[in-house]
Amino acid sequence: MASLFEIGAGKAIGYTTGGAVTQATSKATGVTLNQAAGQVTTHDASLAGGAEVSFTVTNDKVAATDVVAISLQSGASTGTYIVSISAVAAGSFDVTLSNVGTTAGEALVLNYAVIKAAAS
């Protein structure tokens, strides 16, 4: 039976299939992954302490009114990175990595989920 969330806002995130993608050339390189949930592995290029870098995830499951949740799964030295969603648009979202530690060159594994939402 469908939940009220599924009826009112579309298909809910829960147990769902996902996908995975790896950045090709740098931590600023955009990726494409057309899944409601997934995993992005960043390039292992160095990022200076105190620096930020952003990249775009192109994803045809994303609407401008959706909420994208993201978390750092693995690959980072403890307390080195903060990961956040810095923009959401129809067909994409931007991820920003902030290095709050010292210069580090690590491939990070990021998990994300698209939460379907609507403007009221």
PDB file of N, CA and C in Angstrom:
ATOM      1  N   MET A   1       0.836  -1.169   0.000  1.00  0.00           N
ATOM      2  CA  MET A   1       0.000   0.000   0.000  1.00  0.00           C
ATOM      3  C   MET A   1       0.889   1.244   0.000  1.00  0.00           C
ATOM      4  N   ALA A   2       0.527   2.231  -0.783  1.00  0.00           N
ATOM      5  CA  ALA A   2       1.304   3.464  -0.878  1.00  0.00           C
ATOM      6  C   ALA A   2       1.130   4.294   0.389  1.00  0.00           C
ATOM      7  N   SER A   3       2.213   4.957   0.796  1.00  0.00           N
ATOM      8  CA  SER A   3       2.140   5.842   1.950  1.00  0.00           C
ATOM      9  C   SER A   3       1.530   7.180   1.532  1.00  0.00           C
ATOM     10  N   LEU A   4       1.143   7.988   2.513  1.00  0.00           N
ATOM     11  CA  LEU A   4       0.631   9.320   2.216  1.00  0.00           C
ATOM     12  C   LEU A   4       1.686  10.154   1.508  1.00  0.00           C
ATOM     13  N   PHE A   5       2.952   9.952   1.884  1.00  0.00           N
ATOM     14  CA  PHE A   5       4.030  10.687   1.222  1.00  0.00           C
ATOM     15  C   PHE A   5       4.081  10.331  -0.262  1.00  0.00           C
ATOM     16  N   GLU A   6       4.000   9.047  -0.565  1.00  0.00           N
ATOM     17  CA  GLU A   6       4.047   8.618  -1.963  1.00  0.00           C
ATOM     18  C   GLU A   6       2.867   9.166  -2.751  1.00  0.00           C
ATOM     19  N   ILE A   7       1.705   9.186  -2.145  1.00  0.00           N
ATOM     20  CA  ILE A   7       0.513   9.683  -2.829  1.00  0.00           C
ATOM     21  C   ILE A   7       0.600  11.188  -3.042  1.00  0.00           C
ATOM     22  N   GLY A   8       1.082  11.922  -2.034  1.00  0.00           N
ATOM     23  CA  GLY A   8       1.094  13.379  -2.098  1.00  0.00           C
ATOM     24  C   GLY A   8       2.272  13.978  -2.836  1.00  0.00           C
ATOM     25  N   ALA A   9       3.426  13.336  -2.811  1.00  0.00           N
ATOM     26  CA  ALA A   9       4.619  13.983  -3.344  1.00  0.00           C
ATOM     27  C   ALA A   9       5.354  13.161  -4.397  1.00  0.00           C
ATOM     28  N   GLY A  10       4.921  11.978  -4.661  1.00  0.00           N
ATOM     29  CA  GLY A  10       5.638  11.152  -5.626  1.00  0.00           C
ATOM     30  C   GLY A  10       6.270   9.981  -4.923  1.00  0.00           C
ATOM     31  N   LYS A  11       7.114   9.269  -5.620  1.00  0.00           N
ATOM     32  CA  LYS A  11       7.733   8.075  -5.076  1.00  0.00           C
ATOM     33  C   LYS A  11       8.704   8.428  -3.951  1.00  0.00           C
ATOM     34  N   ALA A  12       8.532   7.791  -2.822  1.00  0.00           N
ATOM     35  CA  ALA A  12       9.365   8.064  -1.655  1.00  0.00           C
ATOM     36  C   ALA A  12      10.718   7.386  -1.783  1.00  0.00           C
ATOM     37  N   ILE A  13      11.701   7.948  -1.108  1.00  0.00           N
ATOM     38  CA  ILE A  13      13.016   7.319  -1.018  1.00  0.00           C
ATOM     39  C   ILE A  13      12.975   6.347   0.150  1.00  0.00           C
ATOM     40  N   GLY A  14      13.497   5.226  -0.021  1.00  0.00           N
ATOM     41  CA  GLY A  14      13.588   4.197   1.000  1.00  0.00           C
ATOM     42  C   GLY A  14      14.470   3.126   0.408  1.00  0.00           C
ATOM     43  N   TYR A  15      13.989   1.937   0.347  1.00  0.00           N
ATOM     44  CA  TYR A  15      14.731   0.881  -0.320  1.00  0.00           C
ATOM     45  C   TYR A  15      14.608   1.130  -1.816  1.00  0.00           C
ATOM     46  N   THR A  16      15.689   1.485  -2.435  1.00  0.00           N
ATOM     47  CA  THR A  16      15.670   1.808  -3.859  1.00  0.00           C
ATOM     48  C   THR A  16      16.976   1.372  -4.494  1.00  0.00           C
ATOM     49  N   THR A  17      16.945   1.160  -5.778  1.00  0.00           N
ATOM     50  CA  THR A  17      18.179   0.866  -6.476  1.00  0.00           C
ATOM     51  C   THR A  17      18.916   2.173  -6.712  1.00  0.00           C
ATOM     52  N   GLY A  18      20.193   2.105  -6.822  1.00  0.00           N
ATOM     53  CA  GLY A  18      20.996   3.300  -7.028  1.00  0.00           C
ATOM     54  C   GLY A  18      22.065   3.021  -8.051  1.00  0.00           C
ATOM     55  N   GLY A  19      23.063   3.848  -8.036  1.00  0.00           N
ATOM     56  CA  GLY A  19      24.161   3.696  -8.960  1.00  0.00           C
ATOM     57  C   GLY A  19      25.413   4.291  -8.371  1.00  0.00           C
ATOM     58  N   ALA A  20      26.490   4.210  -9.128  1.00  0.00           N
ATOM     59  CA  ALA A  20      27.768   4.738  -8.677  1.00  0.00           C
ATOM     60  C   ALA A  20      28.509   5.334  -9.866  1.00  0.00           C
ATOM     61  N   VAL A  21      29.299   6.370  -9.580  1.00  0.00           N
ATOM     62  CA  VAL A  21      30.081   7.036 -10.600  1.00  0.00           C
ATOM     63  C   VAL A  21      31.363   7.557  -9.953  1.00  0.00           C
ATOM     64  N   THR A  22      32.426   7.677 -10.751  1.00  0.00           N
ATOM     65  CA  THR A  22      33.706   8.186 -10.267  1.00  0.00           C
ATOM     66  C   THR A  22      34.140   9.369 -11.118  1.00  0.00           C
ATOM     67  N   GLN A  23      34.602  10.428 -10.466  1.00  0.00           N
ATOM     68  CA  GLN A  23      35.123  11.588 -11.193  1.00  0.00           C
ATOM     69  C   GLN A  23      36.358  11.187 -11.991  1.00  0.00           C
ATOM     70  N   ALA A  24      36.506  11.784 -13.169  1.00  0.00           N
ATOM     71  CA  ALA A  24      37.583  11.388 -14.073  1.00  0.00           C
ATOM     72  C   ALA A  24      38.896  12.141 -13.863  1.00  0.00           C
ATOM     73  N   THR A  25      38.873  13.466 -13.756  1.00  0.00           N
ATOM     74  CA  THR A  25      40.141  14.199 -13.835  1.00  0.00           C
ATOM     75  C   THR A  25      40.472  15.117 -12.662  1.00  0.00           C
ATOM     76  N   SER A  26      39.494  15.533 -11.879  1.00  0.00           N
ATOM     77  CA  SER A  26      39.771  16.402 -10.731  1.00  0.00           C
ATOM     78  C   SER A  26      38.544  16.422  -9.821  1.00  0.00           C
ATOM     79  N   LYS A  27      38.687  17.040  -8.648  1.00  0.00           N
ATOM     80  CA  LYS A  27      37.550  17.154  -7.735  1.00  0.00           C
ATOM     81  C   LYS A  27      36.506  18.147  -8.240  1.00  0.00           C
ATOM     82  N   ALA A  28      36.832  18.906  -9.292  1.00  0.00           N
ATOM     83  CA  ALA A  28      35.883  19.863  -9.876  1.00  0.00           C
ATOM     84  C   ALA A  28      35.160  19.285 -11.087  1.00  0.00           C
ATOM     85  N   THR A  29      35.491  18.080 -11.481  1.00  0.00           N
ATOM     86  CA  THR A  29      34.901  17.456 -12.667  1.00  0.00           C
ATOM     87  C   THR A  29      33.464  17.018 -12.399  1.00  0.00           C
ATOM     88  N   GLY A  30      32.544  17.449 -13.240  1.00  0.00           N
ATOM     89  CA  GLY A  30      31.151  17.035 -13.120  1.00  0.00           C
ATOM     90  C   GLY A  30      30.974  15.573 -13.478  1.00  0.00           C
ATOM     91  N   VAL A  31      29.893  14.987 -12.959  1.00  0.00           N
ATOM     92  CA  VAL A  31      29.566  13.591 -13.231  1.00  0.00           C
ATOM     93  C   VAL A  31      28.090  13.491 -13.600  1.00  0.00           C
ATOM     94  N   THR A  32      27.712  12.377 -14.204  1.00  0.00           N
ATOM     95  CA  THR A  32      26.315  12.107 -14.530  1.00  0.00           C
ATOM     96  C   THR A  32      25.910  10.784 -13.894  1.00  0.00           C
ATOM     97  N   LEU A  33      24.817  10.812 -13.141  1.00  0.00           N
ATOM     98  CA  LEU A  33      24.270   9.599 -12.537  1.00  0.00           C
ATOM     99  C   LEU A  33      22.771   9.792 -12.409  1.00  0.00           C
ATOM    100  N   ASN A  34      22.009   9.140 -13.273  1.00  0.00           N
ATOM    101  CA  ASN A  34      20.555   9.295 -13.325  1.00  0.00           C
ATOM    102  C   ASN A  34      19.860   8.266 -12.444  1.00  0.00           C
ATOM    103  N   GLN A  35      20.081   8.388 -11.131  1.00  0.00           N
ATOM    104  CA  GLN A  35      19.477   7.514 -10.134  1.00  0.00           C
ATOM    105  C   GLN A  35      18.984   8.366  -8.968  1.00  0.00           C
ATOM    106  N   ALA A  36      17.901   7.940  -8.314  1.00  0.00           N
ATOM    107  CA  ALA A  36      17.360   8.678  -7.174  1.00  0.00           C
ATOM    108  C   ALA A  36      18.276   8.626  -5.960  1.00  0.00           C
ATOM    109  N   ALA A  37      19.133   7.633  -5.910  1.00  0.00           N
ATOM    110  CA  ALA A  37      20.129   7.513  -4.846  1.00  0.00           C
ATOM    111  C   ALA A  37      21.406   6.990  -5.483  1.00  0.00           C
ATOM    112  N   GLY A  38      22.530   7.342  -4.902  1.00  0.00           N
ATOM    113  CA  GLY A  38      23.758   6.871  -5.504  1.00  0.00           C
ATOM    114  C   GLY A  38      24.989   7.207  -4.701  1.00  0.00           C
ATOM    115  N   GLN A  39      26.113   6.900  -5.336  1.00  0.00           N
ATOM    116  CA  GLN A  39      27.405   7.065  -4.704  1.00  0.00           C
ATOM    117  C   GLN A  39      28.349   7.712  -5.709  1.00  0.00           C
ATOM    118  N   VAL A  40      29.014   8.777  -5.272  1.00  0.00           N
ATOM    119  CA  VAL A  40      29.999   9.457  -6.101  1.00  0.00           C
ATOM    120  C   VAL A  40      31.352   9.294  -5.437  1.00  0.00           C
ATOM    121  N   THR A  41      32.319   8.774  -6.181  1.00  0.00           N
ATOM    122  CA  THR A  41      33.696   8.709  -5.698  1.00  0.00           C
ATOM    123  C   THR A  41      34.460   9.839  -6.364  1.00  0.00           C
ATOM    124  N   THR A  42      35.043  10.704  -5.546  1.00  0.00           N
ATOM    125  CA  THR A  42      35.756  11.851  -6.088  1.00  0.00           C
ATOM    126  C   THR A  42      37.148  11.443  -6.574  1.00  0.00           C
ATOM    127  N   HIS A  43      37.726  12.290  -7.382  1.00  0.00           N
ATOM    128  CA  HIS A  43      39.119  12.140  -7.798  1.00  0.00           C
ATOM    129  C   HIS A  43      39.992  12.316  -6.554  1.00  0.00           C
ATOM    130  N   ASP A  44      41.193  11.773  -6.571  1.00  0.00           N
ATOM    131  CA  ASP A  44      42.067  11.884  -5.402  1.00  0.00           C
ATOM    132  C   ASP A  44      43.000  13.094  -5.456  1.00  0.00           C
ATOM    133  N   ALA A  45      42.696  14.069  -6.296  1.00  0.00           N
ATOM    134  CA  ALA A  45      43.511  15.281  -6.388  1.00  0.00           C
ATOM    135  C   ALA A  45      43.574  15.993  -5.040  1.00  0.00           C
ATOM    136  N   SER A  46      44.677  16.667  -4.786  1.00  0.00           N
ATOM    137  CA  SER A  46      44.843  17.402  -3.534  1.00  0.00           C
ATOM    138  C   SER A  46      43.918  18.612  -3.479  1.00  0.00           C
ATOM    139  N   LEU A  47      43.461  18.900  -2.269  1.00  0.00           N
ATOM    140  CA  LEU A  47      42.681  20.097  -1.997  1.00  0.00           C
ATOM    141  C   LEU A  47      43.336  20.767  -0.794  1.00  0.00           C
ATOM    142  N   ALA A  48      43.741  22.017  -0.985  1.00  0.00           N
ATOM    143  CA  ALA A  48      44.460  22.743   0.062  1.00  0.00           C
ATOM    144  C   ALA A  48      43.595  22.930   1.300  1.00  0.00           C
ATOM    145  N   GLY A  49      44.243  23.015   2.448  1.00  0.00           N
ATOM    146  CA  GLY A  49      43.538  23.321   3.682  1.00  0.00           C
ATOM    147  C   GLY A  49      42.840  24.669   3.559  1.00  0.00           C
ATOM    148  N   GLY A  50      41.597  24.754   3.990  1.00  0.00           N
ATOM    149  CA  GLY A  50      40.826  25.982   3.908  1.00  0.00           C
ATOM    150  C   GLY A  50      40.206  26.236   2.550  1.00  0.00           C
ATOM    151  N   ALA A  51      40.410  25.358   1.595  1.00  0.00           N
ATOM    152  CA  ALA A  51      39.878  25.546   0.239  1.00  0.00           C
ATOM    153  C   ALA A  51      38.567  24.798   0.047  1.00  0.00           C
ATOM    154  N   GLU A  52      37.828  25.243  -0.952  1.00  0.00           N
ATOM    155  CA  GLU A  52      36.578  24.580  -1.340  1.00  0.00           C
ATOM    156  C   GLU A  52      36.622  24.306  -2.834  1.00  0.00           C
ATOM    157  N   VAL A  53      35.888  23.270  -3.222  1.00  0.00           N
ATOM    158  CA  VAL A  53      35.709  22.955  -4.637  1.00  0.00           C
ATOM    159  C   VAL A  53      34.287  22.459  -4.820  1.00  0.00           C
ATOM    160  N   SER A  54      33.692  22.808  -5.958  1.00  0.00           N
ATOM    161  CA  SER A  54      32.330  22.359  -6.258  1.00  0.00           C
ATOM    162  C   SER A  54      32.314  21.614  -7.583  1.00  0.00           C
ATOM    163  N   PHE A  55      31.360  20.697  -7.702  1.00  0.00           N
ATOM    164  CA  PHE A  55      31.143  20.002  -8.970  1.00  0.00           C
ATOM    165  C   PHE A  55      29.653  19.728  -9.123  1.00  0.00           C
ATOM    166  N   THR A  56      29.240  19.518 -10.363  1.00  0.00           N
ATOM    167  CA  THR A  56      27.830  19.286 -10.675  1.00  0.00           C
ATOM    168  C   THR A  56      27.569  17.812 -10.916  1.00  0.00           C
ATOM    169  N   VAL A  57      26.485  17.320 -10.337  1.00  0.00           N
ATOM    170  CA  VAL A  57      25.983  15.981 -10.623  1.00  0.00           C
ATOM    171  C   VAL A  57      24.767  16.172 -11.526  1.00  0.00           C
ATOM    172  N   THR A  58      24.882  15.760 -12.774  1.00  0.00           N
ATOM    173  CA  THR A  58      23.758  15.801 -13.702  1.00  0.00           C
ATOM    174  C   THR A  58      22.911  14.570 -13.436  1.00  0.00           C
ATOM    175  N   ASN A  59      21.592  14.804 -13.216  1.00  0.00           N
ATOM    176  CA  ASN A  59      20.730  13.709 -12.789  1.00  0.00           C
ATOM    177  C   ASN A  59      19.298  14.012 -13.220  1.00  0.00           C
ATOM    178  N   ASP A  60      18.772  13.221 -14.153  1.00  0.00           N
ATOM    179  CA  ASP A  60      17.428  13.490 -14.683  1.00  0.00           C
ATOM    180  C   ASP A  60      16.303  13.161 -13.702  1.00  0.00           C
ATOM    181  N   LYS A  61      16.622  12.654 -12.523  1.00  0.00           N
ATOM    182  CA  LYS A  61      15.606  12.368 -11.498  1.00  0.00           C
ATOM    183  C   LYS A  61      15.347  13.578 -10.604  1.00  0.00           C
ATOM    184  N   VAL A  62      16.135  14.639 -10.741  1.00  0.00           N
ATOM    185  CA  VAL A  62      16.075  15.792  -9.845  1.00  0.00           C
ATOM    186  C   VAL A  62      15.209  16.901 -10.432  1.00  0.00           C
ATOM    187  N   ALA A  63      14.268  17.381  -9.621  1.00  0.00           N
ATOM    188  CA  ALA A  63      13.473  18.565  -9.964  1.00  0.00           C
ATOM    189  C   ALA A  63      13.980  19.733  -9.123  1.00  0.00           C
ATOM    190  N   ALA A  64      13.726  20.926  -9.578  1.00  0.00           N
ATOM    191  CA  ALA A  64      14.202  22.122  -8.870  1.00  0.00           C
ATOM    192  C   ALA A  64      13.638  22.228  -7.465  1.00  0.00           C
ATOM    193  N   THR A  65      12.500  21.596  -7.194  1.00  0.00           N
ATOM    194  CA  THR A  65      11.863  21.671  -5.873  1.00  0.00           C
ATOM    195  C   THR A  65      12.287  20.544  -4.930  1.00  0.00           C
ATOM    196  N   ASP A  66      13.137  19.636  -5.395  1.00  0.00           N
ATOM    197  CA  ASP A  66      13.551  18.494  -4.577  1.00  0.00           C
ATOM    198  C   ASP A  66      14.592  18.890  -3.530  1.00  0.00           C
ATOM    199  N   VAL A  67      14.756  18.012  -2.564  1.00  0.00           N
ATOM    200  CA  VAL A  67      15.791  18.143  -1.543  1.00  0.00           C
ATOM    201  C   VAL A  67      16.781  17.012  -1.787  1.00  0.00           C
ATOM    202  N   VAL A  68      18.068  17.344  -1.835  1.00  0.00           N
ATOM    203  CA  VAL A  68      19.099  16.327  -2.011  1.00  0.00           C
ATOM    204  C   VAL A  68      19.893  16.231  -0.713  1.00  0.00           C
ATOM    205  N   ALA A  69      19.941  15.038  -0.150  1.00  0.00           N
ATOM    206  CA  ALA A  69      20.721  14.781   1.057  1.00  0.00           C
ATOM    207  C   ALA A  69      22.030  14.127   0.641  1.00  0.00           C
ATOM    208  N   ILE A  70      23.119  14.517   1.272  1.00  0.00           N
ATOM    209  CA  ILE A  70      24.426  13.940   0.934  1.00  0.00           C
ATOM    210  C   ILE A  70      25.228  13.715   2.207  1.00  0.00           C
ATOM    211  N   SER A  71      26.053  12.675   2.189  1.00  0.00           N
ATOM    212  CA  SER A  71      26.913  12.394   3.338  1.00  0.00           C
ATOM    213  C   SER A  71      28.238  11.827   2.854  1.00  0.00           C
ATOM    214  N   LEU A  72      29.231  11.976   3.686  1.00  0.00           N
ATOM    215  CA  LEU A  72      30.560  11.444   3.415  1.00  0.00           C
ATOM    216  C   LEU A  72      30.614  10.037   3.985  1.00  0.00           C
ATOM    217  N   GLN A  73      30.761   9.039   3.099  1.00  0.00           N
ATOM    218  CA  GLN A  73      30.784   7.657   3.574  1.00  0.00           C
ATOM    219  C   GLN A  73      32.180   7.241   4.012  1.00  0.00           C
ATOM    220  N   SER A  74      33.189   7.492   3.171  1.00  0.00           N
ATOM    221  CA  SER A  74      34.530   7.016   3.506  1.00  0.00           C
ATOM    222  C   SER A  74      35.582   7.740   2.671  1.00  0.00           C
ATOM    223  N   GLY A  75      36.832   7.445   2.989  1.00  0.00           N
ATOM    224  CA  GLY A  75      37.958   7.944   2.207  1.00  0.00           C
ATOM    225  C   GLY A  75      38.638   9.167   2.764  1.00  0.00           C
ATOM    226  N   ALA A  76      38.048   9.802   3.767  1.00  0.00           N
ATOM    227  CA  ALA A  76      38.605  11.054   4.284  1.00  0.00           C
ATOM    228  C   ALA A  76      39.254  10.855   5.644  1.00  0.00           C
ATOM    229  N   SER A  77      40.329  11.585   5.852  1.00  0.00           N
ATOM    230  CA  SER A  77      40.897  11.641   7.192  1.00  0.00           C
ATOM    231  C   SER A  77      39.870  12.285   8.105  1.00  0.00           C
ATOM    232  N   THR A  78      39.778  11.835   9.335  1.00  0.00           N
ATOM    233  CA  THR A  78      38.782  12.329  10.277  1.00  0.00           C
ATOM    234  C   THR A  78      38.858  13.844  10.429  1.00  0.00           C
ATOM    235  N   GLY A  79      37.716  14.504  10.287  1.00  0.00           N
ATOM    236  CA  GLY A  79      37.630  15.940  10.491  1.00  0.00           C
ATOM    237  C   GLY A  79      38.225  16.793   9.392  1.00  0.00           C
ATOM    238  N   THR A  80      38.494  16.228   8.229  1.00  0.00           N
ATOM    239  CA  THR A  80      39.136  16.990   7.164  1.00  0.00           C
ATOM    240  C   THR A  80      38.141  17.676   6.242  1.00  0.00           C
ATOM    241  N   TYR A  81      37.026  17.023   5.895  1.00  0.00           N
ATOM    242  CA  TYR A  81      36.103  17.560   4.901  1.00  0.00           C
ATOM    243  C   TYR A  81      34.701  17.768   5.443  1.00  0.00           C
ATOM    244  N   ILE A  82      34.053  18.782   4.896  1.00  0.00           N
ATOM    245  CA  ILE A  82      32.619  18.973   5.059  1.00  0.00           C
ATOM    246  C   ILE A  82      32.030  18.912   3.657  1.00  0.00           C
ATOM    247  N   VAL A  83      30.979  18.131   3.472  1.00  0.00           N
ATOM    248  CA  VAL A  83      30.324  18.007   2.169  1.00  0.00           C
ATOM    249  C   VAL A  83      28.917  18.577   2.279  1.00  0.00           C
ATOM    250  N   SER A  84      28.519  19.342   1.257  1.00  0.00           N
ATOM    251  CA  SER A  84      27.190  19.942   1.285  1.00  0.00           C
ATOM    252  C   SER A  84      26.638  20.069  -0.131  1.00  0.00           C
ATOM    253  N   ILE A  85      25.328  20.235  -0.205  1.00  0.00           N
ATOM    254  CA  ILE A  85      24.666  20.526  -1.474  1.00  0.00           C
ATOM    255  C   ILE A  85      24.569  22.044  -1.560  1.00  0.00           C
ATOM    256  N   SER A  86      25.149  22.620  -2.604  1.00  0.00           N
ATOM    257  CA  SER A  86      25.180  24.081  -2.710  1.00  0.00           C
ATOM    258  C   SER A  86      24.158  24.634  -3.693  1.00  0.00           C
ATOM    259  N   ALA A  87      23.531  23.780  -4.504  1.00  0.00           N
ATOM    260  CA  ALA A  87      22.481  24.229  -5.430  1.00  0.00           C
ATOM    261  C   ALA A  87      21.711  23.015  -5.926  1.00  0.00           C
ATOM    262  N   VAL A  88      20.413  23.228  -6.187  1.00  0.00           N
ATOM    263  CA  VAL A  88      19.562  22.206  -6.800  1.00  0.00           C
ATOM    264  C   VAL A  88      18.801  22.866  -7.938  1.00  0.00           C
ATOM    265  N   ALA A  89      18.795  22.220  -9.106  1.00  0.00           N
ATOM    266  CA  ALA A  89      18.083  22.724 -10.280  1.00  0.00           C
ATOM    267  C   ALA A  89      17.426  21.542 -10.969  1.00  0.00           C
ATOM    268  N   ALA A  90      16.543  21.816 -11.907  1.00  0.00           N
ATOM    269  CA  ALA A  90      15.935  20.733 -12.681  1.00  0.00           C
ATOM    270  C   ALA A  90      17.040  20.014 -13.446  1.00  0.00           C
ATOM    271  N   GLY A  91      17.258  18.747 -13.144  1.00  0.00           N
ATOM    272  CA  GLY A  91      18.235  17.941 -13.850  1.00  0.00           C
ATOM    273  C   GLY A  91      19.637  17.938 -13.282  1.00  0.00           C
ATOM    274  N   SER A  92      19.861  18.584 -12.136  1.00  0.00           N
ATOM    275  CA  SER A  92      21.214  18.565 -11.566  1.00  0.00           C
ATOM    276  C   SER A  92      21.228  19.088 -10.135  1.00  0.00           C
ATOM    277  N   PHE A  93      22.335  18.822  -9.465  1.00  0.00           N
ATOM    278  CA  PHE A  93      22.616  19.441  -8.169  1.00  0.00           C
ATOM    279  C   PHE A  93      24.124  19.634  -8.057  1.00  0.00           C
ATOM    280  N   ASP A  94      24.518  20.633  -7.267  1.00  0.00           N
ATOM    281  CA  ASP A  94      25.929  20.941  -7.063  1.00  0.00           C
ATOM    282  C   ASP A  94      26.365  20.476  -5.684  1.00  0.00           C
ATOM    283  N   VAL A  95      27.550  19.869  -5.636  1.00  0.00           N
ATOM    284  CA  VAL A  95      28.157  19.402  -4.397  1.00  0.00           C
ATOM    285  C   VAL A  95      29.367  20.284  -4.107  1.00  0.00           C
ATOM    286  N   THR A  96      29.501  20.728  -2.863  1.00  0.00           N
ATOM    287  CA  THR A  96      30.676  21.498  -2.461  1.00  0.00           C
ATOM    288  C   THR A  96      31.425  20.722  -1.388  1.00  0.00           C
ATOM    289  N   LEU A  97      32.728  20.568  -1.617  1.00  0.00           N
ATOM    290  CA  LEU A  97      33.617  19.954  -0.641  1.00  0.00           C
ATOM    291  C   LEU A  97      34.442  21.064  -0.009  1.00  0.00           C
ATOM    292  N   SER A  98      34.445  21.134   1.302  1.00  0.00           N
ATOM    293  CA  SER A  98      35.243  22.122   2.034  1.00  0.00           C
ATOM    294  C   SER A  98      36.293  21.373   2.839  1.00  0.00           C
ATOM    295  N   ASN A  99      37.552  21.729   2.636  1.00  0.00           N
ATOM    296  CA  ASN A  99      38.631  21.115   3.400  1.00  0.00           C
ATOM    297  C   ASN A  99      38.891  21.994   4.616  1.00  0.00           C
ATOM    298  N   VAL A 100      38.529  21.506   5.785  1.00  0.00           N
ATOM    299  CA  VAL A 100      38.716  22.261   7.023  1.00  0.00           C
ATOM    300  C   VAL A 100      39.967  21.826   7.770  1.00  0.00           C
ATOM    301  N   GLY A 101      40.747  20.958   7.141  1.00  0.00           N
ATOM    302  CA  GLY A 101      41.994  20.494   7.730  1.00  0.00           C
ATOM    303  C   GLY A 101      43.182  21.033   6.963  1.00  0.00           C
ATOM    304  N   THR A 102      44.191  20.211   6.828  1.00  0.00           N
ATOM    305  CA  THR A 102      45.378  20.564   6.051  1.00  0.00           C
ATOM    306  C   THR A 102      45.255  19.962   4.659  1.00  0.00           C
ATOM    307  N   THR A 103      46.161  20.344   3.757  1.00  0.00           N
ATOM    308  CA  THR A 103      46.118  19.831   2.389  1.00  0.00           C
ATOM    309  C   THR A 103      46.006  18.315   2.398  1.00  0.00           C
ATOM    310  N   ALA A 104      45.060  17.811   1.603  1.00  0.00           N
ATOM    311  CA  ALA A 104      44.821  16.370   1.554  1.00  0.00           C
ATOM    312  C   ALA A 104      44.476  15.956   0.134  1.00  0.00           C
ATOM    313  N   GLY A 105      44.950  14.810  -0.261  1.00  0.00           N
ATOM    314  CA  GLY A 105      44.642  14.242  -1.568  1.00  0.00           C
ATOM    315  C   GLY A 105      44.037  12.867  -1.389  1.00  0.00           C
ATOM    316  N   GLU A 106      42.739  12.820  -1.246  1.00  0.00           N
ATOM    317  CA  GLU A 106      42.042  11.564  -0.975  1.00  0.00           C
ATOM    318  C   GLU A 106      40.847  11.414  -1.896  1.00  0.00           C
ATOM    319  N   ALA A 107      40.575  10.191  -2.315  1.00  0.00           N
ATOM    320  CA  ALA A 107      39.342   9.892  -3.055  1.00  0.00           C
ATOM    321  C   ALA A 107      38.247   9.676  -2.018  1.00  0.00           C
ATOM    322  N   LEU A 108      37.233  10.540  -2.053  1.00  0.00           N
ATOM    323  CA  LEU A 108      36.147  10.478  -1.081  1.00  0.00           C
ATOM    324  C   LEU A 108      34.962   9.736  -1.680  1.00  0.00           C
ATOM    325  N   VAL A 109      34.261   8.974  -0.877  1.00  0.00           N
ATOM    326  CA  VAL A 109      33.042   8.305  -1.312  1.00  0.00           C
ATOM    327  C   VAL A 109      31.870   9.032  -0.667  1.00  0.00           C
ATOM    328  N   LEU A 110      30.996   9.583  -1.521  1.00  0.00           N
ATOM    329  CA  LEU A 110      29.846  10.365  -1.072  1.00  0.00           C
ATOM    330  C   LEU A 110      28.561   9.625  -1.397  1.00  0.00           C
ATOM    331  N   ASN A 111      27.635   9.535  -0.459  1.00  0.00           N
ATOM    332  CA  ASN A 111      26.324   8.934  -0.694  1.00  0.00           C
ATOM    333  C   ASN A 111      25.297  10.055  -0.790  1.00  0.00           C
ATOM    334  N   TYR A 112      24.365   9.939  -1.750  1.00  0.00           N
ATOM    335  CA  TYR A 112      23.305  10.941  -1.856  1.00  0.00           C
ATOM    336  C   TYR A 112      21.952  10.267  -2.062  1.00  0.00           C
ATOM    337  N   ALA A 113      20.895  11.006  -1.735  1.00  0.00           N
ATOM    338  CA  ALA A 113      19.529  10.567  -1.986  1.00  0.00           C
ATOM    339  C   ALA A 113      18.704  11.789  -2.362  1.00  0.00           C
ATOM    340  N   VAL A 114      17.858  11.622  -3.367  1.00  0.00           N
ATOM    341  CA  VAL A 114      16.955  12.688  -3.801  1.00  0.00           C
ATOM    342  C   VAL A 114      15.616  12.474  -3.099  1.00  0.00           C
ATOM    343  N   ILE A 115      15.184  13.485  -2.385  1.00  0.00           N
ATOM    344  CA  ILE A 115      13.898  13.447  -1.686  1.00  0.00           C
ATOM    345  C   ILE A 115      12.931  14.287  -2.511  1.00  0.00           C
ATOM    346  N   LYS A 116      11.921  13.649  -3.054  1.00  0.00           N
ATOM    347  CA  LYS A 116      10.961  14.357  -3.898  1.00  0.00           C
ATOM    348  C   LYS A 116      10.152  15.325  -3.043  1.00  0.00           C
ATOM    349  N   ALA A 117      10.039  16.545  -3.528  1.00  0.00           N
ATOM    350  CA  ALA A 117       9.319  17.590  -2.805  1.00  0.00           C
ATOM    351  C   ALA A 117       8.614  18.479  -3.827  1.00  0.00           C
ATOM    352  N   ALA A 118       7.762  19.337  -3.326  1.00  0.00           N
ATOM    353  CA  ALA A 118       7.046  20.244  -4.213  1.00  0.00           C
ATOM    354  C   ALA A 118       6.891  21.580  -3.528  1.00  0.00           C
ATOM    355  N   ALA A 119       6.910  22.637  -4.322  1.00  0.00           N
ATOM    356  CA  ALA A 119       6.655  23.966  -3.786  1.00  0.00           C
ATOM    357  C   ALA A 119       5.158  24.096  -3.524  1.00  0.00           C
ATOM    358  N   SER A 120       4.816  24.743  -2.423  1.00  0.00           N
ATOM    359  CA  SER A 120       3.368  24.879  -2.132  1.00  0.00           C
ATOM    360  C   SER A 120       2.904  26.283  -2.415  1.00  0.00           C
TER     361      SER A 120
END
